[in-house]
Amino acid sequence: MKNKVIISDEQTKVKIPTGLRLLVRRSCTAVLVSENFEGSAEVSVTFVDDERIQELNKEFRNIDSSTDVLSFPLGENGVYDENPETGAKMLGDIVISMEHAVAQAKLYEHTLQREVAFLTVHSMLHLLGYDHVNGGLERVRMREKEEEVLVKLGLHRTSSYYLGEDEEG
């Protein structure tokens, strides 16, 4: 299984810490492994500022406010287009507001790394068809899956996360 995570930084408000791109890649892969995803996958992750995510939220969801993360799934019901060059299933796009991520990390008293990993995992589950809009059991199931993946990544709810020097990317 060869997964491709294309990461773009289209904002200047928050300096991207060393190792964060690697953590985003690991988060995407961990969700795919956890969900027993078959074959190769391709996903795009873009870091933006609050102003840009507000524009996207208004344009695509008709909600005129900034948010922490937006997911743009390309597949439906487990069916995805494939990249003709690689055969990888194209899952879609994840857009993360780094300003929101910093604020939420402070609010929840954990690291920026854990917050970005959480937002990535959350969004990956959306790209794979999970939804929490209706609340109830689906929301609980999605939250359990998020925590399960974060624990596998070593990002427990109560601990801070440190990337060893050999893991910096």
C-alpha atoms as a PDB file:
ATOM      1  CA  MET A   1       0.000   0.000   0.000  1.00  0.00           C
ATOM      2  CA  LYS A   2       1.559   3.273  -1.098  1.00  0.00           C
ATOM      3  CA  ASN A   3      -0.236   6.362   0.072  1.00  0.00           C
ATOM      4  CA  LYS A   4       0.425   9.848  -1.139  1.00  0.00           C
ATOM      5  CA  VAL A   5      -0.328  12.846   1.049  1.00  0.00           C
ATOM      6  CA  ILE A   6       0.200  16.144  -0.730  1.00  0.00           C
ATOM      7  CA  ILE A   7       0.693  18.940   1.806  1.00  0.00           C
ATOM      8  CA  SER A   8       0.555  22.645   0.939  1.00  0.00           C
ATOM      9  CA  ASP A   9       1.066  25.593   3.266  1.00  0.00           C
ATOM     10  CA  GLU A  10      -0.941  28.516   1.892  1.00  0.00           C
ATOM     11  CA  GLN A  11      -0.828  30.731   4.970  1.00  0.00           C
ATOM     12  CA  THR A  12       1.725  32.943   6.708  1.00  0.00           C
ATOM     13  CA  LYS A  13       0.093  33.471  10.123  1.00  0.00           C
ATOM     14  CA  VAL A  14       1.461  30.340  11.844  1.00  0.00           C
ATOM     15  CA  LYS A  15       4.936  28.874  11.482  1.00  0.00           C
ATOM     16  CA  ILE A  16       4.609  25.159  10.719  1.00  0.00           C
ATOM     17  CA  PRO A  17       6.635  23.303  13.379  1.00  0.00           C
ATOM     18  CA  THR A  18       9.310  20.829  12.328  1.00  0.00           C
ATOM     19  CA  GLY A  19       7.841  17.368  12.020  1.00  0.00           C
ATOM     20  CA  LEU A  20       4.235  18.519  11.546  1.00  0.00           C
ATOM     21  CA  ARG A  21       4.083  17.457   7.900  1.00  0.00           C
ATOM     22  CA  LEU A  22       5.345  13.995   8.847  1.00  0.00           C
ATOM     23  CA  LEU A  23       2.724  13.802  11.606  1.00  0.00           C
ATOM     24  CA  VAL A  24      -0.025  14.716   9.107  1.00  0.00           C
ATOM     25  CA  ARG A  25       1.182  11.939   6.784  1.00  0.00           C
ATOM     26  CA  ARG A  26       1.307   9.466   9.671  1.00  0.00           C
ATOM     27  CA  SER A  27      -2.205  10.529  10.752  1.00  0.00           C
ATOM     28  CA  CYS A  28      -3.616   9.906   7.263  1.00  0.00           C
ATOM     29  CA  THR A  29      -1.934   6.494   7.038  1.00  0.00           C
ATOM     30  CA  ALA A  30      -3.047   5.518  10.558  1.00  0.00           C
ATOM     31  CA  VAL A  31      -6.706   6.146   9.625  1.00  0.00           C
ATOM     32  CA  LEU A  32      -6.363   4.073   6.448  1.00  0.00           C
ATOM     33  CA  VAL A  33      -4.789   1.209   8.409  1.00  0.00           C
ATOM     34  CA  SER A  34      -7.404   1.464  11.162  1.00  0.00           C
ATOM     35  CA  GLU A  35     -10.192   1.347   8.564  1.00  0.00           C
ATOM     36  CA  ASN A  36      -8.610  -1.574   6.664  1.00  0.00           C
ATOM     37  CA  PHE A  37      -8.524   0.557   3.530  1.00  0.00           C
ATOM     38  CA  GLU A  38      -7.475  -1.564   0.579  1.00  0.00           C
ATOM     39  CA  GLY A  39      -5.085  -0.344  -2.073  1.00  0.00           C
ATOM     40  CA  SER A  40      -3.286   2.965  -2.346  1.00  0.00           C
ATOM     41  CA  ALA A  41      -4.810   6.303  -1.478  1.00  0.00           C
ATOM     42  CA  GLU A  42      -4.108   9.902  -2.370  1.00  0.00           C
ATOM     43  CA  VAL A  43      -5.162  12.844  -0.241  1.00  0.00           C
ATOM     44  CA  SER A  44      -4.396  16.552  -0.280  1.00  0.00           C
ATOM     45  CA  VAL A  45      -3.927  18.563   2.939  1.00  0.00           C
ATOM     46  CA  THR A  46      -3.736  22.361   2.821  1.00  0.00           C
ATOM     47  CA  PHE A  47      -2.890  24.696   5.699  1.00  0.00           C
ATOM     48  CA  VAL A  48      -4.730  28.026   5.400  1.00  0.00           C
ATOM     49  CA  ASP A  49      -5.558  31.033   7.587  1.00  0.00           C
ATOM     50  CA  ASP A  50      -8.963  31.883   9.091  1.00  0.00           C
ATOM     51  CA  GLU A  51      -9.811  34.311   6.285  1.00  0.00           C
ATOM     52  CA  ARG A  52      -9.337  31.651   3.576  1.00  0.00           C
ATOM     53  CA  ILE A  53     -11.236  28.913   5.418  1.00  0.00           C
ATOM     54  CA  GLN A  54     -14.102  31.359   5.971  1.00  0.00           C
ATOM     55  CA  GLU A  55     -14.228  32.006   2.199  1.00  0.00           C
ATOM     56  CA  LEU A  56     -14.315  28.249   1.500  1.00  0.00           C
ATOM     57  CA  ASN A  57     -16.929  27.641   4.225  1.00  0.00           C
ATOM     58  CA  LYS A  58     -19.147  30.348   2.726  1.00  0.00           C
ATOM     59  CA  GLU A  59     -18.637  29.149  -0.841  1.00  0.00           C
ATOM     60  CA  PHE A  60     -19.190  25.424  -0.243  1.00  0.00           C
ATOM     61  CA  ARG A  61     -21.364  25.237   2.877  1.00  0.00           C
ATOM     62  CA  ASN A  62     -23.084  28.637   2.833  1.00  0.00           C
ATOM     63  CA  ILE A  63     -21.778  29.313   6.351  1.00  0.00           C
ATOM     64  CA  ASP A  64     -20.139  32.741   6.628  1.00  0.00           C
ATOM     65  CA  SER A  65     -17.688  32.038   9.436  1.00  0.00           C
ATOM     66  CA  SER A  66     -14.282  30.512   9.868  1.00  0.00           C
ATOM     67  CA  THR A  67     -13.946  26.942  11.112  1.00  0.00           C
ATOM     68  CA  ASP A  68     -11.145  24.596  12.102  1.00  0.00           C
ATOM     69  CA  VAL A  69     -11.198  22.103   9.239  1.00  0.00           C
ATOM     70  CA  LEU A  70     -13.092  21.401   6.024  1.00  0.00           C
ATOM     71  CA  SER A  71     -13.260  18.061   4.227  1.00  0.00           C
ATOM     72  CA  PHE A  72     -13.921  17.752   0.527  1.00  0.00           C
ATOM     73  CA  PRO A  73     -14.510  14.043  -0.217  1.00  0.00           C
ATOM     74  CA  LEU A  74     -14.095  12.923  -3.812  1.00  0.00           C
ATOM     75  CA  GLY A  75     -15.640   9.509  -3.286  1.00  0.00           C
ATOM     76  CA  GLU A  76     -19.120   8.360  -2.431  1.00  0.00           C
ATOM     77  CA  ASN A  77     -20.204   5.110  -0.751  1.00  0.00           C
ATOM     78  CA  GLY A  78     -16.671   3.757  -0.832  1.00  0.00           C
ATOM     79  CA  VAL A  79     -16.259   4.400  -4.572  1.00  0.00           C
ATOM     80  CA  TYR A  80     -13.361   6.664  -5.567  1.00  0.00           C
ATOM     81  CA  ASP A  81     -11.832   7.894  -8.777  1.00  0.00           C
ATOM     82  CA  GLU A  82      -8.363   6.533  -9.351  1.00  0.00           C
ATOM     83  CA  ASN A  83      -5.286   8.451 -10.342  1.00  0.00           C
ATOM     84  CA  PRO A  84      -4.600   7.018 -13.821  1.00  0.00           C
ATOM     85  CA  GLU A  85      -0.813   7.282 -13.327  1.00  0.00           C
ATOM     86  CA  THR A  86      -0.598   5.542  -9.945  1.00  0.00           C
ATOM     87  CA  GLY A  87      -3.863   3.617  -9.552  1.00  0.00           C
ATOM     88  CA  ALA A  88      -4.285   5.288  -6.139  1.00  0.00           C
ATOM     89  CA  LYS A  89      -7.819   6.061  -5.008  1.00  0.00           C
ATOM     90  CA  MET A  90      -8.267   9.825  -4.741  1.00  0.00           C
ATOM     91  CA  LEU A  91      -9.982  10.416  -1.396  1.00  0.00           C
ATOM     92  CA  GLY A  92     -10.248  14.198  -1.498  1.00  0.00           C
ATOM     93  CA  ASP A  93      -9.000  17.358   0.165  1.00  0.00           C
ATOM     94  CA  ILE A  94      -8.510  18.417   3.771  1.00  0.00           C
ATOM     95  CA  VAL A  95      -8.232  22.137   4.552  1.00  0.00           C
ATOM     96  CA  ILE A  96      -6.994  23.092   8.035  1.00  0.00           C
ATOM     97  CA  SER A  97      -7.058  26.603   9.494  1.00  0.00           C
ATOM     98  CA  MET A  98      -3.744  26.882  11.326  1.00  0.00           C
ATOM     99  CA  GLU A  99      -5.032  29.925  13.254  1.00  0.00           C
ATOM    100  CA  HIS A 100      -7.976  27.861  14.503  1.00  0.00           C
ATOM    101  CA  ALA A 101      -5.672  24.936  15.318  1.00  0.00           C
ATOM    102  CA  VAL A 102      -3.439  27.171  17.475  1.00  0.00           C
ATOM    103  CA  ALA A 103      -6.460  28.637  19.324  1.00  0.00           C
ATOM    104  CA  GLN A 104      -8.013  25.203  19.921  1.00  0.00           C
ATOM    105  CA  ALA A 105      -4.718  23.704  21.115  1.00  0.00           C
ATOM    106  CA  LYS A 106      -4.590  26.493  23.740  1.00  0.00           C
ATOM    107  CA  LEU A 107      -8.268  26.042  24.616  1.00  0.00           C
ATOM    108  CA  TYR A 108      -7.958  22.264  25.103  1.00  0.00           C
ATOM    109  CA  GLU A 109      -4.512  22.613  26.706  1.00  0.00           C
ATOM    110  CA  HIS A 110      -2.681  20.288  24.382  1.00  0.00           C
ATOM    111  CA  THR A 111      -0.018  20.703  21.728  1.00  0.00           C
ATOM    112  CA  LEU A 112      -0.505  22.142  18.267  1.00  0.00           C
ATOM    113  CA  GLN A 113       0.719  18.765  16.981  1.00  0.00           C
ATOM    114  CA  ARG A 114      -2.104  16.900  18.720  1.00  0.00           C
ATOM    115  CA  GLU A 115      -4.679  19.398  17.470  1.00  0.00           C
ATOM    116  CA  VAL A 116      -3.508  19.186  13.846  1.00  0.00           C
ATOM    117  CA  ALA A 117      -3.337  15.370  14.094  1.00  0.00           C
ATOM    118  CA  PHE A 118      -6.891  15.325  15.512  1.00  0.00           C
ATOM    119  CA  LEU A 119      -8.195  17.597  12.722  1.00  0.00           C
ATOM    120  CA  THR A 120      -6.439  15.438  10.118  1.00  0.00           C
ATOM    121  CA  VAL A 121      -7.832  12.186  11.546  1.00  0.00           C
ATOM    122  CA  HIS A 122     -11.311  13.723  11.858  1.00  0.00           C
ATOM    123  CA  SER A 123     -11.220  14.903   8.261  1.00  0.00           C
ATOM    124  CA  MET A 124      -9.831  11.594   6.949  1.00  0.00           C
ATOM    125  CA  LEU A 125     -12.820   9.821   8.495  1.00  0.00           C
ATOM    126  CA  HIS A 126     -15.080  12.265   6.620  1.00  0.00           C
ATOM    127  CA  LEU A 127     -13.239  11.480   3.376  1.00  0.00           C
ATOM    128  CA  LEU A 128     -13.942   7.792   4.049  1.00  0.00           C
ATOM    129  CA  GLY A 129     -17.659   8.491   4.444  1.00  0.00           C
ATOM    130  CA  TYR A 130     -18.148   9.036   8.185  1.00  0.00           C
ATOM    131  CA  ASP A 131     -20.461  11.818   9.278  1.00  0.00           C
ATOM    132  CA  HIS A 132     -21.374  13.322  12.642  1.00  0.00           C
ATOM    133  CA  VAL A 133     -23.849  15.990  11.534  1.00  0.00           C
ATOM    134  CA  ASN A 134     -26.833  13.951  12.735  1.00  0.00           C
ATOM    135  CA  GLY A 135     -25.152  13.419  16.113  1.00  0.00           C
ATOM    136  CA  GLY A 136     -26.171  10.385  18.129  1.00  0.00           C
ATOM    137  CA  LEU A 137     -24.458   7.059  17.557  1.00  0.00           C
ATOM    138  CA  GLU A 138     -22.607   8.142  14.400  1.00  0.00           C
ATOM    139  CA  ARG A 139     -21.002  10.990  16.283  1.00  0.00           C
ATOM    140  CA  VAL A 140     -20.002   8.683  19.171  1.00  0.00           C
ATOM    141  CA  ARG A 141     -18.572   6.108  16.740  1.00  0.00           C
ATOM    142  CA  MET A 142     -16.591   8.752  14.907  1.00  0.00           C
ATOM    143  CA  ARG A 143     -15.185  10.155  18.175  1.00  0.00           C
ATOM    144  CA  GLU A 144     -14.162   6.653  19.310  1.00  0.00           C
ATOM    145  CA  LYS A 145     -12.368   6.030  16.010  1.00  0.00           C
ATOM    146  CA  GLU A 146     -10.583   9.398  16.270  1.00  0.00           C
ATOM    147  CA  GLU A 147      -9.307   8.640  19.768  1.00  0.00           C
ATOM    148  CA  GLU A 148      -8.288   5.101  18.780  1.00  0.00           C
ATOM    149  CA  VAL A 149      -6.115   6.426  15.929  1.00  0.00           C
ATOM    150  CA  LEU A 150      -4.629   9.244  18.045  1.00  0.00           C
ATOM    151  CA  VAL A 151      -3.667   6.748  20.770  1.00  0.00           C
ATOM    152  CA  LYS A 152      -1.979   4.563  18.122  1.00  0.00           C
ATOM    153  CA  LEU A 153      -0.008   7.644  17.074  1.00  0.00           C
ATOM    154  CA  GLY A 154       1.063   8.182  20.687  1.00  0.00           C
ATOM    155  CA  LEU A 155      -1.169  11.228  21.077  1.00  0.00           C
ATOM    156  CA  HIS A 156      -3.135  10.365  24.189  1.00  0.00           C
ATOM    157  CA  ARG A 157      -5.676  12.910  25.331  1.00  0.00           C
ATOM    158  CA  THR A 158      -3.681  13.844  28.434  1.00  0.00           C
ATOM    159  CA  SER A 159      -0.087  13.667  27.221  1.00  0.00           C
ATOM    160  CA  SER A 160       1.948  16.055  25.181  1.00  0.00           C
ATOM    161  CA  TYR A 161       3.588  14.764  22.056  1.00  0.00           C
ATOM    162  CA  TYR A 162       7.262  14.970  21.232  1.00  0.00           C
ATOM    163  CA  LEU A 163       8.810  14.016  17.910  1.00  0.00           C
ATOM    164  CA  GLY A 164      12.175  12.371  18.317  1.00  0.00           C
ATOM    165  CA  GLU A 165      14.997  13.882  16.269  1.00  0.00           C
ATOM    166  CA  ASP A 166      15.045  10.847  13.966  1.00  0.00           C
ATOM    167  CA  GLU A 167      11.368  11.463  13.098  1.00  0.00           C
ATOM    168  CA  GLU A 168      11.535  15.121  12.131  1.00  0.00           C
ATOM    169  CA  GLY A 169      10.441  15.668   8.565  1.00  0.00           C
END
